[in-house]
Amino acid sequence: METPSFSLEFFRQSAGGNIHFMRRLLKLTAQELSTYFDQFANAVQEGNRQQIARLRHKLHPHLEALQATELEQLVQKLSEGQLQWLTIFQQKAILLCKAIQQASHEV
């Protein structure tokens, strides 16, 4: 499965050229996203609409900053109850977190 496309531009700008700060931002983002993705998938499986909405709200700024539109679209579909996308979402979420983690080492 292909890693979802994303951009590090927001993090480059936020870090203002400070490589160590950018690495830290990327590592923290990967950790937070991993937690939020897991919680979101669990909420979807449980059909917990309130938790789905809360986590969607938490995921949005991260995915927007990364320009990870594919995952944003999957979050939207799952929020609408299109459960057939859950496995793909989980796979893509894992790949994105790994790619961000890898990028933190390559910056």
N, C-alpha and C. Protein backbone atom coordinates (compact mmCIF):
# COMPACT_ATOMS: atom_id res chain seq x y z
N MET A 1 0.84 -1.18 0.00
CA MET A 1 0.00 0.00 0.00
C MET A 1 0.88 1.24 0.00
N GLU A 2 0.48 2.21 -0.73
CA GLU A 2 1.24 3.44 -0.91
C GLU A 2 1.03 4.40 0.27
N THR A 3 2.12 5.02 0.71
CA THR A 3 2.04 6.03 1.77
C THR A 3 1.24 7.22 1.27
N PRO A 4 0.31 7.71 2.08
CA PRO A 4 -0.46 8.89 1.67
C PRO A 4 0.48 10.09 1.46
N SER A 5 0.15 10.92 0.51
CA SER A 5 0.99 12.09 0.26
C SER A 5 0.80 13.10 1.40
N PHE A 6 1.89 13.79 1.70
CA PHE A 6 1.86 14.81 2.75
C PHE A 6 2.99 15.80 2.48
N SER A 7 2.93 16.93 3.16
CA SER A 7 3.93 17.97 2.99
C SER A 7 4.51 18.36 4.35
N LEU A 8 5.78 18.67 4.35
CA LEU A 8 6.45 19.12 5.58
C LEU A 8 6.62 20.64 5.61
N GLU A 9 6.07 21.32 4.62
CA GLU A 9 6.27 22.76 4.49
C GLU A 9 5.86 23.53 5.74
N PHE A 10 4.72 23.20 6.32
CA PHE A 10 4.25 23.87 7.53
C PHE A 10 5.29 23.75 8.64
N PHE A 11 5.89 22.57 8.77
CA PHE A 11 6.86 22.32 9.83
C PHE A 11 8.17 23.06 9.55
N ARG A 12 8.55 23.13 8.28
CA ARG A 12 9.75 23.90 7.92
C ARG A 12 9.57 25.37 8.29
N GLN A 13 8.41 25.91 7.95
CA GLN A 13 8.13 27.31 8.26
C GLN A 13 8.04 27.54 9.77
N SER A 14 7.39 26.63 10.46
CA SER A 14 7.23 26.76 11.91
C SER A 14 8.58 26.70 12.63
N ALA A 15 9.47 25.87 12.12
CA ALA A 15 10.77 25.70 12.75
C ALA A 15 11.74 26.83 12.42
N GLY A 16 11.44 27.59 11.39
CA GLY A 16 12.28 28.73 11.04
C GLY A 16 13.73 28.36 10.80
N GLY A 17 13.95 27.18 10.22
CA GLY A 17 15.32 26.76 9.90
C GLY A 17 16.01 26.00 11.01
N ASN A 18 15.38 25.88 12.15
CA ASN A 18 15.97 25.15 13.27
C ASN A 18 15.67 23.66 13.09
N ILE A 19 16.66 22.92 12.64
CA ILE A 19 16.50 21.50 12.32
C ILE A 19 16.08 20.70 13.55
N HIS A 20 16.70 20.97 14.68
CA HIS A 20 16.38 20.22 15.90
C HIS A 20 14.93 20.44 16.32
N PHE A 21 14.47 21.68 16.21
CA PHE A 21 13.08 21.98 16.55
C PHE A 21 12.13 21.29 15.57
N MET A 22 12.47 21.29 14.30
CA MET A 22 11.62 20.63 13.31
C MET A 22 11.54 19.13 13.58
N ARG A 23 12.66 18.53 13.90
CA ARG A 23 12.66 17.10 14.23
C ARG A 23 11.75 16.82 15.41
N ARG A 24 11.84 17.66 16.40
CA ARG A 24 10.99 17.48 17.60
C ARG A 24 9.52 17.63 17.24
N LEU A 25 9.19 18.65 16.44
CA LEU A 25 7.81 18.84 15.99
C LEU A 25 7.29 17.62 15.25
N LEU A 26 8.10 17.09 14.37
CA LEU A 26 7.68 15.92 13.58
C LEU A 26 7.48 14.69 14.47
N LYS A 27 8.39 14.47 15.39
CA LYS A 27 8.25 13.32 16.29
C LYS A 27 6.99 13.44 17.14
N LEU A 28 6.75 14.63 17.69
CA LEU A 28 5.55 14.84 18.49
C LEU A 28 4.28 14.68 17.66
N THR A 29 4.31 15.18 16.45
CA THR A 29 3.16 15.06 15.56
C THR A 29 2.87 13.60 15.25
N ALA A 30 3.90 12.83 14.95
CA ALA A 30 3.72 11.40 14.66
C ALA A 30 3.13 10.68 15.87
N GLN A 31 3.61 11.01 17.06
CA GLN A 31 3.10 10.37 18.28
C GLN A 31 1.63 10.73 18.53
N GLU A 32 1.32 12.02 18.42
CA GLU A 32 -0.06 12.46 18.63
C GLU A 32 -1.01 11.85 17.60
N LEU A 33 -0.59 11.89 16.35
CA LEU A 33 -1.44 11.33 15.30
C LEU A 33 -1.68 9.84 15.51
N SER A 34 -0.66 9.12 15.90
CA SER A 34 -0.82 7.69 16.13
C SER A 34 -1.88 7.44 17.21
N THR A 35 -1.82 8.19 18.28
CA THR A 35 -2.80 8.07 19.35
C THR A 35 -4.20 8.45 18.86
N TYR A 36 -4.31 9.58 18.19
CA TYR A 36 -5.61 10.03 17.70
C TYR A 36 -6.19 9.06 16.67
N PHE A 37 -5.34 8.54 15.78
CA PHE A 37 -5.81 7.59 14.78
C PHE A 37 -6.38 6.33 15.44
N ASP A 38 -5.67 5.82 16.44
CA ASP A 38 -6.15 4.63 17.16
C ASP A 38 -7.47 4.91 17.86
N GLN A 39 -7.54 6.03 18.54
CA GLN A 39 -8.77 6.39 19.25
C GLN A 39 -9.93 6.60 18.27
N PHE A 40 -9.64 7.21 17.13
CA PHE A 40 -10.67 7.45 16.12
C PHE A 40 -11.19 6.12 15.58
N ALA A 41 -10.29 5.21 15.25
CA ALA A 41 -10.69 3.90 14.73
C ALA A 41 -11.54 3.15 15.75
N ASN A 42 -11.16 3.21 17.02
CA ASN A 42 -11.95 2.56 18.07
C ASN A 42 -13.34 3.18 18.18
N ALA A 43 -13.40 4.50 18.13
CA ALA A 43 -14.70 5.18 18.21
C ALA A 43 -15.59 4.80 17.04
N VAL A 44 -15.01 4.68 15.85
CA VAL A 44 -15.76 4.27 14.66
C VAL A 44 -16.29 2.86 14.85
N GLN A 45 -15.44 1.96 15.32
CA GLN A 45 -15.85 0.57 15.55
C GLN A 45 -16.97 0.47 16.58
N GLU A 46 -16.91 1.33 17.59
CA GLU A 46 -17.91 1.32 18.65
C GLU A 46 -19.17 2.11 18.27
N GLY A 47 -19.08 2.88 17.19
CA GLY A 47 -20.21 3.70 16.77
C GLY A 47 -20.46 4.88 17.71
N ASN A 48 -19.41 5.33 18.38
CA ASN A 48 -19.51 6.43 19.34
C ASN A 48 -19.44 7.76 18.60
N ARG A 49 -20.58 8.28 18.21
CA ARG A 49 -20.66 9.49 17.38
C ARG A 49 -20.02 10.71 18.06
N GLN A 50 -20.20 10.83 19.36
CA GLN A 50 -19.64 11.97 20.08
C GLN A 50 -18.11 11.92 20.06
N GLN A 51 -17.56 10.74 20.31
CA GLN A 51 -16.10 10.57 20.30
C GLN A 51 -15.55 10.74 18.88
N ILE A 52 -16.27 10.26 17.89
CA ILE A 52 -15.85 10.43 16.49
C ILE A 52 -15.72 11.92 16.17
N ALA A 53 -16.73 12.69 16.54
CA ALA A 53 -16.72 14.14 16.27
C ALA A 53 -15.57 14.83 17.00
N ARG A 54 -15.35 14.46 18.25
CA ARG A 54 -14.28 15.07 19.05
C ARG A 54 -12.91 14.78 18.43
N LEU A 55 -12.70 13.52 18.04
CA LEU A 55 -11.40 13.15 17.47
C LEU A 55 -11.21 13.71 16.07
N ARG A 56 -12.27 13.79 15.34
CA ARG A 56 -12.18 14.41 14.00
C ARG A 56 -11.70 15.85 14.15
N HIS A 57 -12.21 16.52 15.15
CA HIS A 57 -11.82 17.90 15.43
C HIS A 57 -10.33 17.98 15.82
N LYS A 58 -9.83 16.99 16.55
CA LYS A 58 -8.41 16.96 16.94
C LYS A 58 -7.51 16.62 15.75
N LEU A 59 -7.98 15.74 14.88
CA LEU A 59 -7.18 15.32 13.73
C LEU A 59 -7.06 16.41 12.67
N HIS A 60 -8.09 17.19 12.51
CA HIS A 60 -8.15 18.14 11.40
C HIS A 60 -6.92 19.06 11.30
N PRO A 61 -6.52 19.76 12.37
CA PRO A 61 -5.37 20.68 12.20
C PRO A 61 -4.08 19.96 11.83
N HIS A 62 -3.89 18.77 12.35
CA HIS A 62 -2.69 18.00 12.01
C HIS A 62 -2.69 17.61 10.53
N LEU A 63 -3.81 17.08 10.09
CA LEU A 63 -3.90 16.63 8.70
C LEU A 63 -3.86 17.82 7.74
N GLU A 64 -4.43 18.92 8.16
CA GLU A 64 -4.39 20.14 7.33
C GLU A 64 -2.96 20.66 7.21
N ALA A 65 -2.24 20.70 8.33
CA ALA A 65 -0.85 21.16 8.31
C ALA A 65 0.02 20.28 7.43
N LEU A 66 -0.26 18.98 7.44
CA LEU A 66 0.49 18.03 6.63
C LEU A 66 0.01 17.98 5.18
N GLN A 67 -1.10 18.63 4.91
CA GLN A 67 -1.75 18.56 3.60
C GLN A 67 -2.02 17.10 3.22
N ALA A 68 -2.45 16.33 4.22
CA ALA A 68 -2.75 14.90 4.03
C ALA A 68 -4.23 14.76 3.67
N THR A 69 -4.55 15.20 2.47
CA THR A 69 -5.95 15.25 2.05
C THR A 69 -6.60 13.87 1.94
N GLU A 70 -5.83 12.88 1.56
CA GLU A 70 -6.40 11.54 1.43
C GLU A 70 -6.92 11.04 2.79
N LEU A 71 -6.13 11.25 3.82
CA LEU A 71 -6.57 10.82 5.16
C LEU A 71 -7.72 11.69 5.66
N GLU A 72 -7.70 12.98 5.34
CA GLU A 72 -8.83 13.83 5.72
C GLU A 72 -10.12 13.32 5.08
N GLN A 73 -10.03 12.91 3.84
CA GLN A 73 -11.22 12.38 3.15
C GLN A 73 -11.69 11.08 3.79
N LEU A 74 -10.76 10.23 4.20
CA LEU A 74 -11.14 8.99 4.86
C LEU A 74 -11.79 9.26 6.22
N VAL A 75 -11.26 10.23 6.95
CA VAL A 75 -11.87 10.62 8.23
C VAL A 75 -13.30 11.10 7.99
N GLN A 76 -13.49 11.89 6.96
CA GLN A 76 -14.83 12.38 6.61
C GLN A 76 -15.77 11.22 6.31
N LYS A 77 -15.33 10.29 5.49
CA LYS A 77 -16.17 9.14 5.13
C LYS A 77 -16.54 8.31 6.35
N LEU A 78 -15.56 8.07 7.21
CA LEU A 78 -15.83 7.29 8.41
C LEU A 78 -16.76 8.05 9.36
N SER A 79 -16.61 9.36 9.41
CA SER A 79 -17.49 10.18 10.25
C SER A 79 -18.93 10.12 9.76
N GLU A 80 -19.09 9.89 8.48
CA GLU A 80 -20.42 9.79 7.88
C GLU A 80 -20.98 8.37 7.98
N GLY A 81 -20.22 7.46 8.60
CA GLY A 81 -20.71 6.11 8.79
C GLY A 81 -20.35 5.13 7.69
N GLN A 82 -19.44 5.51 6.80
CA GLN A 82 -19.02 4.63 5.72
C GLN A 82 -17.92 3.70 6.23
N LEU A 83 -18.34 2.69 6.97
CA LEU A 83 -17.41 1.82 7.69
C LEU A 83 -16.52 0.96 6.80
N GLN A 84 -16.88 0.81 5.54
CA GLN A 84 -16.07 0.00 4.63
C GLN A 84 -14.68 0.60 4.43
N TRP A 85 -14.47 1.84 4.83
CA TRP A 85 -13.18 2.51 4.66
C TRP A 85 -12.26 2.36 5.87
N LEU A 86 -12.73 1.69 6.91
CA LEU A 86 -11.96 1.63 8.16
C LEU A 86 -10.61 0.95 7.99
N THR A 87 -10.54 -0.17 7.34
CA THR A 87 -9.27 -0.89 7.19
C THR A 87 -8.27 -0.06 6.38
N ILE A 88 -8.75 0.54 5.32
CA ILE A 88 -7.87 1.39 4.50
C ILE A 88 -7.38 2.58 5.32
N PHE A 89 -8.29 3.18 6.09
CA PHE A 89 -7.90 4.30 6.97
C PHE A 89 -6.79 3.86 7.92
N GLN A 90 -6.98 2.73 8.58
CA GLN A 90 -5.99 2.26 9.55
C GLN A 90 -4.64 2.00 8.90
N GLN A 91 -4.65 1.39 7.73
CA GLN A 91 -3.40 1.12 7.03
C GLN A 91 -2.70 2.42 6.62
N LYS A 92 -3.45 3.34 6.07
CA LYS A 92 -2.88 4.62 5.62
C LYS A 92 -2.39 5.44 6.82
N ALA A 93 -3.11 5.37 7.93
CA ALA A 93 -2.72 6.10 9.14
C ALA A 93 -1.37 5.61 9.65
N ILE A 94 -1.20 4.31 9.67
CA ILE A 94 0.08 3.72 10.11
C ILE A 94 1.20 4.16 9.18
N LEU A 95 0.96 4.10 7.88
CA LEU A 95 1.98 4.49 6.91
C LEU A 95 2.36 5.96 7.05
N LEU A 96 1.37 6.82 7.28
CA LEU A 96 1.65 8.25 7.44
C LEU A 96 2.51 8.48 8.69
N CYS A 97 2.16 7.87 9.80
CA CYS A 97 2.94 8.05 11.03
C CYS A 97 4.37 7.56 10.85
N LYS A 98 4.54 6.44 10.19
CA LYS A 98 5.89 5.94 9.93
C LYS A 98 6.67 6.89 9.03
N ALA A 99 6.01 7.43 8.02
CA ALA A 99 6.67 8.36 7.09
C ALA A 99 7.08 9.64 7.80
N ILE A 100 6.24 10.15 8.70
CA ILE A 100 6.58 11.35 9.46
C ILE A 100 7.75 11.06 10.39
N GLN A 101 7.69 9.93 11.04
CA GLN A 101 8.78 9.51 11.93
C GLN A 101 10.09 9.41 11.15
N GLN A 102 10.04 8.80 9.97
CA GLN A 102 11.21 8.69 9.10
C GLN A 102 11.71 10.06 8.68
N ALA A 103 10.80 10.94 8.33
CA ALA A 103 11.17 12.30 7.91
C ALA A 103 11.88 13.04 9.03
N SER A 104 11.50 12.75 10.26
CA SER A 104 12.15 13.43 11.40
C SER A 104 13.63 13.06 11.51
N HIS A 105 14.00 11.90 10.99
CA HIS A 105 15.39 11.47 11.00
C HIS A 105 16.17 11.99 9.81
N GLU A 106 15.44 12.33 8.74
CA GLU A 106 16.09 12.74 7.50
C GLU A 106 16.22 14.23 7.33
N VAL A 107 15.59 14.98 8.19
CA VAL A 107 15.60 16.45 8.06
C VAL A 107 16.99 16.98 8.33
